[in-house]
Amino acid sequence: MKWYTSLAAMIVMSACSSQANVSEIAQQKTQFIKDECYRNDAGSLNDAFKTFMSDRQEELGGLRSTLSNENYEQLDYALKHFVTYWDQLQTERNLACEQHATCEFIKFKTPELQSNRDFCDGTDFEYSVSRAKIINFFSDIERLELQKSP
């Protein structure tokens, strides 16, 4: 009976220490993703976009008296749609970054994969595309101007 109790105690301790390792690795992965994806690098572009859109809203407000209600509503809708699309692009970028960071974390934690340069190519490509879409969209939006027709 003593042998059975010792075996059960050993199994319980093994399971608990294994769970602690899993929790520690999960916490390390979460921190790795935060460090890789949510540093303030992308925040400056996001701040610039929000400032730009706020300026366009103010411009539109200044033109309110010279526009028909229909034209004003269309322009206001377009500006709001740009903000919604920007938020969608940011979400896509964040998800792509998290997937890429997870891949890099797995590669970092798995010695057999560390020499495999191609292991995270797919997630790297998706992340690069998501960043390019944001930059291109912002570049296109910056060129828009609200103008009155003569």
N, C-alpha and C. Protein backbone atom coordinates (compact mmCIF):
# COMPACT_ATOMS: atom_id res chain seq x y z
N MET A 1 0.81 -1.18 0.00
CA MET A 1 0.00 0.00 0.00
C MET A 1 0.86 1.25 0.00
N LYS A 2 1.98 1.19 0.74
CA LYS A 2 2.90 2.31 0.79
C LYS A 2 3.45 2.62 -0.60
N TRP A 3 3.73 1.60 -1.35
CA TRP A 3 4.26 1.76 -2.71
C TRP A 3 3.25 2.50 -3.59
N TYR A 4 1.98 2.16 -3.48
CA TYR A 4 0.91 2.79 -4.26
C TYR A 4 0.77 4.27 -3.90
N THR A 5 0.86 4.60 -2.63
CA THR A 5 0.76 5.99 -2.17
C THR A 5 1.94 6.80 -2.67
N SER A 6 3.11 6.24 -2.64
CA SER A 6 4.30 6.92 -3.13
C SER A 6 4.20 7.18 -4.63
N LEU A 7 3.70 6.21 -5.36
CA LEU A 7 3.53 6.36 -6.81
C LEU A 7 2.52 7.46 -7.12
N ALA A 8 1.41 7.47 -6.40
CA ALA A 8 0.38 8.49 -6.60
C ALA A 8 0.93 9.88 -6.28
N ALA A 9 1.68 10.02 -5.21
CA ALA A 9 2.27 11.30 -4.83
C ALA A 9 3.26 11.76 -5.90
N MET A 10 4.03 10.84 -6.43
CA MET A 10 5.00 11.18 -7.47
C MET A 10 4.29 11.65 -8.75
N ILE A 11 3.21 11.01 -9.12
CA ILE A 11 2.45 11.40 -10.31
C ILE A 11 1.87 12.79 -10.13
N VAL A 12 1.31 13.06 -8.95
CA VAL A 12 0.73 14.38 -8.67
C VAL A 12 1.80 15.46 -8.73
N MET A 13 2.96 15.22 -8.13
CA MET A 13 4.05 16.21 -8.16
C MET A 13 4.55 16.41 -9.58
N SER A 14 4.64 15.36 -10.34
CA SER A 14 5.10 15.46 -11.72
C SER A 14 4.12 16.29 -12.54
N ALA A 15 2.86 16.04 -12.38
CA ALA A 15 1.83 16.78 -13.12
C ALA A 15 1.86 18.26 -12.74
N CYS A 16 2.03 18.55 -11.46
CA CYS A 16 2.06 19.95 -11.02
C CYS A 16 3.29 20.67 -11.54
N SER A 17 4.45 20.02 -11.53
CA SER A 17 5.65 20.69 -12.02
C SER A 17 5.58 20.87 -13.53
N SER A 18 4.98 19.90 -14.23
CA SER A 18 4.81 20.03 -15.67
C SER A 18 3.89 21.18 -16.01
N GLN A 19 2.82 21.34 -15.25
CA GLN A 19 1.89 22.44 -15.48
C GLN A 19 2.57 23.78 -15.21
N ALA A 20 3.43 23.83 -14.20
CA ALA A 20 4.16 25.06 -13.91
C ALA A 20 5.07 25.43 -15.08
N ASN A 21 5.71 24.43 -15.71
CA ASN A 21 6.56 24.69 -16.87
C ASN A 21 5.73 25.23 -18.03
N VAL A 22 4.57 24.64 -18.26
CA VAL A 22 3.70 25.08 -19.34
C VAL A 22 3.24 26.51 -19.09
N SER A 23 2.88 26.82 -17.87
CA SER A 23 2.44 28.17 -17.53
C SER A 23 3.58 29.17 -17.72
N GLU A 24 4.77 28.78 -17.31
CA GLU A 24 5.93 29.67 -17.47
C GLU A 24 6.23 29.93 -18.95
N ILE A 25 6.16 28.89 -19.76
CA ILE A 25 6.40 29.06 -21.20
C ILE A 25 5.32 29.92 -21.84
N ALA A 26 4.08 29.71 -21.43
CA ALA A 26 2.98 30.52 -21.95
C ALA A 26 3.17 31.99 -21.57
N GLN A 27 3.63 32.23 -20.36
CA GLN A 27 3.88 33.60 -19.92
C GLN A 27 5.04 34.22 -20.71
N GLN A 28 6.08 33.44 -20.95
CA GLN A 28 7.21 33.92 -21.76
C GLN A 28 6.75 34.27 -23.18
N LYS A 29 5.90 33.41 -23.75
CA LYS A 29 5.38 33.65 -25.10
C LYS A 29 4.56 34.94 -25.13
N THR A 30 3.70 35.13 -24.14
CA THR A 30 2.89 36.34 -24.07
C THR A 30 3.76 37.58 -23.99
N GLN A 31 4.79 37.52 -23.17
CA GLN A 31 5.70 38.67 -23.04
C GLN A 31 6.47 38.91 -24.35
N PHE A 32 6.89 37.84 -25.00
CA PHE A 32 7.60 37.94 -26.27
C PHE A 32 6.72 38.63 -27.32
N ILE A 33 5.45 38.24 -27.38
CA ILE A 33 4.51 38.84 -28.34
C ILE A 33 4.32 40.33 -28.02
N LYS A 34 4.15 40.66 -26.75
CA LYS A 34 4.00 42.07 -26.37
C LYS A 34 5.22 42.88 -26.79
N ASP A 35 6.40 42.33 -26.52
CA ASP A 35 7.64 43.05 -26.88
C ASP A 35 7.77 43.22 -28.39
N GLU A 36 7.39 42.20 -29.14
CA GLU A 36 7.54 42.25 -30.59
C GLU A 36 6.46 43.09 -31.28
N CYS A 37 5.24 43.04 -30.79
CA CYS A 37 4.11 43.60 -31.53
C CYS A 37 3.54 44.89 -30.97
N TYR A 38 3.74 45.16 -29.73
CA TYR A 38 3.04 46.29 -29.14
C TYR A 38 3.98 47.33 -28.54
N ARG A 39 5.19 47.37 -29.07
CA ARG A 39 6.06 48.49 -28.73
C ARG A 39 5.50 49.72 -29.40
N ASN A 40 5.99 50.86 -29.11
CA ASN A 40 5.43 52.10 -29.63
C ASN A 40 5.83 52.42 -31.06
N ASP A 41 6.48 51.50 -31.76
CA ASP A 41 6.87 51.75 -33.15
C ASP A 41 5.67 52.08 -34.03
N ALA A 42 4.64 51.27 -33.96
CA ALA A 42 3.45 51.48 -34.80
C ALA A 42 2.58 52.59 -34.23
N GLY A 43 2.76 52.91 -32.96
CA GLY A 43 1.94 53.93 -32.33
C GLY A 43 2.12 55.30 -32.94
N SER A 44 3.32 55.63 -33.38
CA SER A 44 3.55 56.96 -33.96
C SER A 44 2.79 57.12 -35.27
N LEU A 45 2.74 56.10 -36.09
CA LEU A 45 1.98 56.16 -37.34
C LEU A 45 0.49 56.25 -37.04
N ASN A 46 0.05 55.51 -36.05
CA ASN A 46 -1.36 55.54 -35.65
C ASN A 46 -1.72 56.94 -35.13
N ASP A 47 -0.84 57.53 -34.33
CA ASP A 47 -1.08 58.89 -33.82
C ASP A 47 -1.13 59.89 -34.97
N ALA A 48 -0.22 59.74 -35.93
CA ALA A 48 -0.20 60.66 -37.07
C ALA A 48 -1.49 60.53 -37.88
N PHE A 49 -1.98 59.32 -38.05
CA PHE A 49 -3.23 59.12 -38.79
C PHE A 49 -4.39 59.77 -38.06
N LYS A 50 -4.48 59.54 -36.76
CA LYS A 50 -5.59 60.10 -35.98
C LYS A 50 -5.55 61.62 -36.00
N THR A 51 -4.36 62.21 -35.91
CA THR A 51 -4.22 63.67 -35.99
C THR A 51 -4.66 64.15 -37.37
N PHE A 52 -4.22 63.46 -38.40
CA PHE A 52 -4.58 63.83 -39.77
C PHE A 52 -6.09 63.79 -39.96
N MET A 53 -6.72 62.72 -39.50
CA MET A 53 -8.17 62.59 -39.67
C MET A 53 -8.92 63.63 -38.84
N SER A 54 -8.41 63.94 -37.69
CA SER A 54 -9.03 64.98 -36.87
C SER A 54 -8.97 66.33 -37.59
N ASP A 55 -7.83 66.61 -38.21
CA ASP A 55 -7.68 67.85 -38.99
C ASP A 55 -8.66 67.88 -40.17
N ARG A 56 -8.85 66.72 -40.84
CA ARG A 56 -9.81 66.67 -41.96
C ARG A 56 -11.23 66.90 -41.46
N GLN A 57 -11.57 66.35 -40.30
CA GLN A 57 -12.90 66.57 -39.73
C GLN A 57 -13.12 68.05 -39.43
N GLU A 58 -12.09 68.71 -38.92
CA GLU A 58 -12.20 70.15 -38.64
C GLU A 58 -12.37 70.93 -39.94
N GLU A 59 -11.61 70.55 -40.96
CA GLU A 59 -11.76 71.20 -42.27
C GLU A 59 -13.18 71.04 -42.80
N LEU A 60 -13.69 69.83 -42.68
CA LEU A 60 -15.04 69.56 -43.15
C LEU A 60 -16.05 70.40 -42.37
N GLY A 61 -15.85 70.52 -41.09
CA GLY A 61 -16.72 71.36 -40.27
C GLY A 61 -16.69 72.80 -40.74
N GLY A 62 -15.52 73.29 -41.14
CA GLY A 62 -15.39 74.66 -41.65
C GLY A 62 -16.09 74.87 -42.98
N LEU A 63 -16.22 73.81 -43.75
CA LEU A 63 -16.88 73.90 -45.05
C LEU A 63 -18.38 73.63 -44.96
N ARG A 64 -18.86 73.30 -43.79
CA ARG A 64 -20.27 72.91 -43.61
C ARG A 64 -21.25 73.91 -44.23
N SER A 65 -21.01 75.18 -44.02
CA SER A 65 -21.96 76.19 -44.51
C SER A 65 -21.96 76.30 -46.03
N THR A 66 -20.91 75.87 -46.67
CA THR A 66 -20.83 75.99 -48.13
C THR A 66 -21.25 74.71 -48.86
N LEU A 67 -21.54 73.66 -48.12
CA LEU A 67 -21.90 72.37 -48.71
C LEU A 67 -23.38 72.10 -48.53
N SER A 68 -23.92 71.36 -49.47
CA SER A 68 -25.30 70.90 -49.29
C SER A 68 -25.27 69.83 -48.20
N ASN A 69 -26.41 69.58 -47.59
CA ASN A 69 -26.48 68.54 -46.55
C ASN A 69 -26.03 67.19 -47.09
N GLU A 70 -26.44 66.88 -48.32
CA GLU A 70 -26.09 65.61 -48.92
C GLU A 70 -24.57 65.48 -49.10
N ASN A 71 -23.93 66.54 -49.63
CA ASN A 71 -22.48 66.50 -49.83
C ASN A 71 -21.74 66.40 -48.49
N TYR A 72 -22.22 67.15 -47.52
CA TYR A 72 -21.59 67.10 -46.19
C TYR A 72 -21.68 65.69 -45.62
N GLU A 73 -22.86 65.10 -45.69
CA GLU A 73 -23.06 63.74 -45.15
C GLU A 73 -22.18 62.73 -45.87
N GLN A 74 -22.04 62.87 -47.18
CA GLN A 74 -21.19 61.95 -47.95
C GLN A 74 -19.73 62.08 -47.53
N LEU A 75 -19.26 63.30 -47.39
CA LEU A 75 -17.86 63.51 -46.98
C LEU A 75 -17.63 63.03 -45.55
N ASP A 76 -18.57 63.31 -44.67
CA ASP A 76 -18.46 62.87 -43.29
C ASP A 76 -18.44 61.34 -43.23
N TYR A 77 -19.29 60.70 -44.01
CA TYR A 77 -19.33 59.24 -44.07
C TYR A 77 -17.99 58.69 -44.58
N ALA A 78 -17.45 59.33 -45.61
CA ALA A 78 -16.17 58.88 -46.17
C ALA A 78 -15.05 58.97 -45.12
N LEU A 79 -14.99 60.06 -44.40
CA LEU A 79 -13.96 60.21 -43.37
C LEU A 79 -14.13 59.15 -42.28
N LYS A 80 -15.35 58.90 -41.88
CA LYS A 80 -15.59 57.86 -40.87
C LYS A 80 -15.23 56.48 -41.41
N HIS A 81 -15.50 56.26 -42.67
CA HIS A 81 -15.15 54.98 -43.29
C HIS A 81 -13.63 54.80 -43.32
N PHE A 82 -12.89 55.87 -43.59
CA PHE A 82 -11.42 55.80 -43.57
C PHE A 82 -10.93 55.37 -42.19
N VAL A 83 -11.52 55.92 -41.15
CA VAL A 83 -11.11 55.57 -39.79
C VAL A 83 -11.44 54.11 -39.50
N THR A 84 -12.61 53.66 -39.93
CA THR A 84 -13.00 52.27 -39.73
C THR A 84 -12.04 51.33 -40.47
N TYR A 85 -11.70 51.68 -41.71
CA TYR A 85 -10.79 50.85 -42.48
C TYR A 85 -9.40 50.85 -41.84
N TRP A 86 -8.97 51.98 -41.32
CA TRP A 86 -7.68 52.07 -40.63
C TRP A 86 -7.67 51.12 -39.44
N ASP A 87 -8.75 51.12 -38.66
CA ASP A 87 -8.84 50.23 -37.51
C ASP A 87 -8.78 48.76 -37.94
N GLN A 88 -9.42 48.45 -39.06
CA GLN A 88 -9.38 47.09 -39.60
C GLN A 88 -7.95 46.72 -39.99
N LEU A 89 -7.24 47.63 -40.64
CA LEU A 89 -5.85 47.37 -41.02
C LEU A 89 -4.96 47.18 -39.78
N GLN A 90 -5.21 47.96 -38.75
CA GLN A 90 -4.44 47.83 -37.51
C GLN A 90 -4.69 46.45 -36.88
N THR A 91 -5.94 46.00 -36.89
CA THR A 91 -6.27 44.70 -36.34
C THR A 91 -5.57 43.59 -37.14
N GLU A 92 -5.61 43.70 -38.46
CA GLU A 92 -4.92 42.71 -39.31
C GLU A 92 -3.43 42.69 -39.02
N ARG A 93 -2.84 43.87 -38.89
CA ARG A 93 -1.42 43.97 -38.59
C ARG A 93 -1.10 43.33 -37.24
N ASN A 94 -1.92 43.61 -36.24
CA ASN A 94 -1.68 43.05 -34.91
C ASN A 94 -1.77 41.52 -34.93
N LEU A 95 -2.78 40.99 -35.61
CA LEU A 95 -2.92 39.53 -35.69
C LEU A 95 -1.74 38.90 -36.44
N ALA A 96 -1.35 39.52 -37.54
CA ALA A 96 -0.21 39.00 -38.32
C ALA A 96 1.07 39.06 -37.49
N CYS A 97 1.23 40.13 -36.74
CA CYS A 97 2.42 40.26 -35.89
C CYS A 97 2.42 39.20 -34.80
N GLU A 98 1.27 38.97 -34.18
CA GLU A 98 1.18 37.96 -33.14
C GLU A 98 1.48 36.56 -33.68
N GLN A 99 0.99 36.26 -34.88
CA GLN A 99 1.29 34.96 -35.48
C GLN A 99 2.78 34.84 -35.78
N HIS A 100 3.36 35.91 -36.32
CA HIS A 100 4.79 35.87 -36.63
C HIS A 100 5.63 35.76 -35.35
N ALA A 101 5.25 36.52 -34.32
CA ALA A 101 5.99 36.47 -33.06
C ALA A 101 5.88 35.08 -32.43
N THR A 102 4.71 34.46 -32.52
CA THR A 102 4.54 33.11 -32.00
C THR A 102 5.45 32.13 -32.73
N CYS A 103 5.51 32.27 -34.04
CA CYS A 103 6.39 31.41 -34.84
C CYS A 103 7.85 31.62 -34.43
N GLU A 104 8.26 32.87 -34.29
CA GLU A 104 9.64 33.17 -33.88
C GLU A 104 9.93 32.61 -32.48
N PHE A 105 8.94 32.71 -31.59
CA PHE A 105 9.12 32.18 -30.23
C PHE A 105 9.30 30.67 -30.27
N ILE A 106 8.48 29.98 -31.06
CA ILE A 106 8.61 28.52 -31.18
C ILE A 106 9.98 28.17 -31.76
N LYS A 107 10.39 28.90 -32.76
CA LYS A 107 11.71 28.66 -33.37
C LYS A 107 12.83 28.89 -32.35
N PHE A 108 12.70 29.94 -31.57
CA PHE A 108 13.70 30.28 -30.56
C PHE A 108 13.77 29.21 -29.47
N LYS A 109 12.62 28.66 -29.08
CA LYS A 109 12.56 27.68 -27.99
C LYS A 109 12.85 26.25 -28.45
N THR A 110 12.91 26.02 -29.75
CA THR A 110 13.12 24.67 -30.27
C THR A 110 14.47 24.61 -30.97
N PRO A 111 15.47 24.04 -30.31
CA PRO A 111 16.83 24.02 -30.88
C PRO A 111 16.90 23.43 -32.29
N GLU A 112 16.07 22.43 -32.59
CA GLU A 112 16.12 21.81 -33.93
C GLU A 112 15.69 22.78 -35.02
N LEU A 113 14.91 23.79 -34.67
CA LEU A 113 14.39 24.73 -35.67
C LEU A 113 15.26 25.98 -35.83
N GLN A 114 16.18 26.20 -34.92
CA GLN A 114 16.94 27.45 -34.93
C GLN A 114 17.79 27.62 -36.18
N SER A 115 18.20 26.55 -36.78
CA SER A 115 19.01 26.67 -38.00
C SER A 115 18.15 26.73 -39.27
N ASN A 116 16.85 26.55 -39.13
CA ASN A 116 15.93 26.57 -40.28
C ASN A 116 15.51 28.01 -40.56
N ARG A 117 16.14 28.63 -41.54
CA ARG A 117 15.87 30.03 -41.87
C ARG A 117 14.47 30.24 -42.46
N ASP A 118 13.91 29.22 -43.07
CA ASP A 118 12.63 29.35 -43.76
C ASP A 118 11.42 29.07 -42.88
N PHE A 119 11.64 28.67 -41.63
CA PHE A 119 10.55 28.20 -40.78
C PHE A 119 9.43 29.23 -40.64
N CYS A 120 9.75 30.50 -40.50
CA CYS A 120 8.73 31.54 -40.27
C CYS A 120 8.50 32.42 -41.50
N ASP A 121 8.89 31.95 -42.67
CA ASP A 121 8.73 32.77 -43.87
C ASP A 121 7.28 33.16 -44.15
N GLY A 122 6.36 32.23 -43.96
CA GLY A 122 4.94 32.51 -44.24
C GLY A 122 4.40 33.60 -43.34
N THR A 123 4.66 33.49 -42.04
CA THR A 123 4.15 34.51 -41.12
C THR A 123 4.89 35.83 -41.30
N ASP A 124 6.16 35.76 -41.66
CA ASP A 124 6.92 36.98 -41.93
C ASP A 124 6.33 37.72 -43.13
N PHE A 125 5.99 36.97 -44.17
CA PHE A 125 5.39 37.57 -45.36
C PHE A 125 4.05 38.22 -45.03
N GLU A 126 3.19 37.51 -44.30
CA GLU A 126 1.88 38.06 -43.92
C GLU A 126 2.03 39.34 -43.11
N TYR A 127 2.97 39.34 -42.19
CA TYR A 127 3.21 40.52 -41.36
C TYR A 127 3.71 41.69 -42.21
N SER A 128 4.62 41.41 -43.12
CA SER A 128 5.14 42.45 -44.02
C SER A 128 4.03 43.04 -44.89
N VAL A 129 3.17 42.18 -45.40
CA VAL A 129 2.05 42.65 -46.23
C VAL A 129 1.12 43.54 -45.41
N SER A 130 0.82 43.14 -44.19
CA SER A 130 -0.08 43.93 -43.35
C SER A 130 0.50 45.31 -43.06
N ARG A 131 1.80 45.38 -42.84
CA ARG A 131 2.45 46.69 -42.60
C ARG A 131 2.45 47.53 -43.87
N ALA A 132 2.70 46.91 -45.00
CA ALA A 132 2.70 47.64 -46.27
C ALA A 132 1.31 48.21 -46.58
N LYS A 133 0.27 47.44 -46.29
CA LYS A 133 -1.10 47.93 -46.52
C LYS A 133 -1.38 49.18 -45.69
N ILE A 134 -0.93 49.19 -44.45
CA ILE A 134 -1.13 50.36 -43.59
C ILE A 134 -0.40 51.57 -44.14
N ILE A 135 0.83 51.39 -44.51
CA ILE A 135 1.64 52.51 -45.02
C ILE A 135 1.07 53.03 -46.33
N ASN A 136 0.68 52.13 -47.23
CA ASN A 136 0.09 52.57 -48.50
C ASN A 136 -1.22 53.30 -48.29
N PHE A 137 -2.06 52.80 -47.41
CA PHE A 137 -3.34 53.45 -47.15
C PHE A 137 -3.12 54.85 -46.59
N PHE A 138 -2.24 54.98 -45.62
CA PHE A 138 -1.96 56.29 -45.03
C PHE A 138 -1.38 57.23 -46.07
N SER A 139 -0.50 56.73 -46.90
CA SER A 139 0.09 57.55 -47.96
C SER A 139 -0.99 58.05 -48.92
N ASP A 140 -1.92 57.17 -49.29
CA ASP A 140 -3.02 57.57 -50.18
C ASP A 140 -3.93 58.59 -49.52
N ILE A 141 -4.26 58.38 -48.27
CA ILE A 141 -5.15 59.28 -47.54
C ILE A 141 -4.53 60.67 -47.37
N GLU A 142 -3.23 60.70 -47.14
CA GLU A 142 -2.55 61.99 -46.93
C GLU A 142 -2.69 62.92 -48.14
N ARG A 143 -2.82 62.35 -49.30
CA ARG A 143 -2.91 63.16 -50.53
C ARG A 143 -4.30 63.72 -50.77
N LEU A 144 -5.28 63.26 -50.01
CA LEU A 144 -6.64 63.77 -50.19
C LEU A 144 -6.77 65.17 -49.59
N GLU A 145 -7.49 66.00 -50.28
CA GLU A 145 -7.76 67.36 -49.81
C GLU A 145 -9.22 67.68 -50.02
N LEU A 146 -9.79 68.39 -49.06
CA LEU A 146 -11.15 68.87 -49.23
C LEU A 146 -11.05 70.22 -49.92
N GLN A 147 -11.73 70.36 -51.06
CA GLN A 147 -11.68 71.59 -51.82
C GLN A 147 -13.08 71.98 -52.26
N LYS A 148 -13.27 73.29 -52.35
CA LYS A 148 -14.52 73.79 -52.89
C LYS A 148 -14.36 73.93 -54.40
N SER A 149 -15.41 73.61 -55.13
CA SER A 149 -15.40 73.83 -56.58
C SER A 149 -15.69 75.30 -56.84
N PRO A 150 -15.06 75.89 -57.89
CA PRO A 150 -15.31 77.31 -58.18
C PRO A 150 -16.71 77.55 -58.70
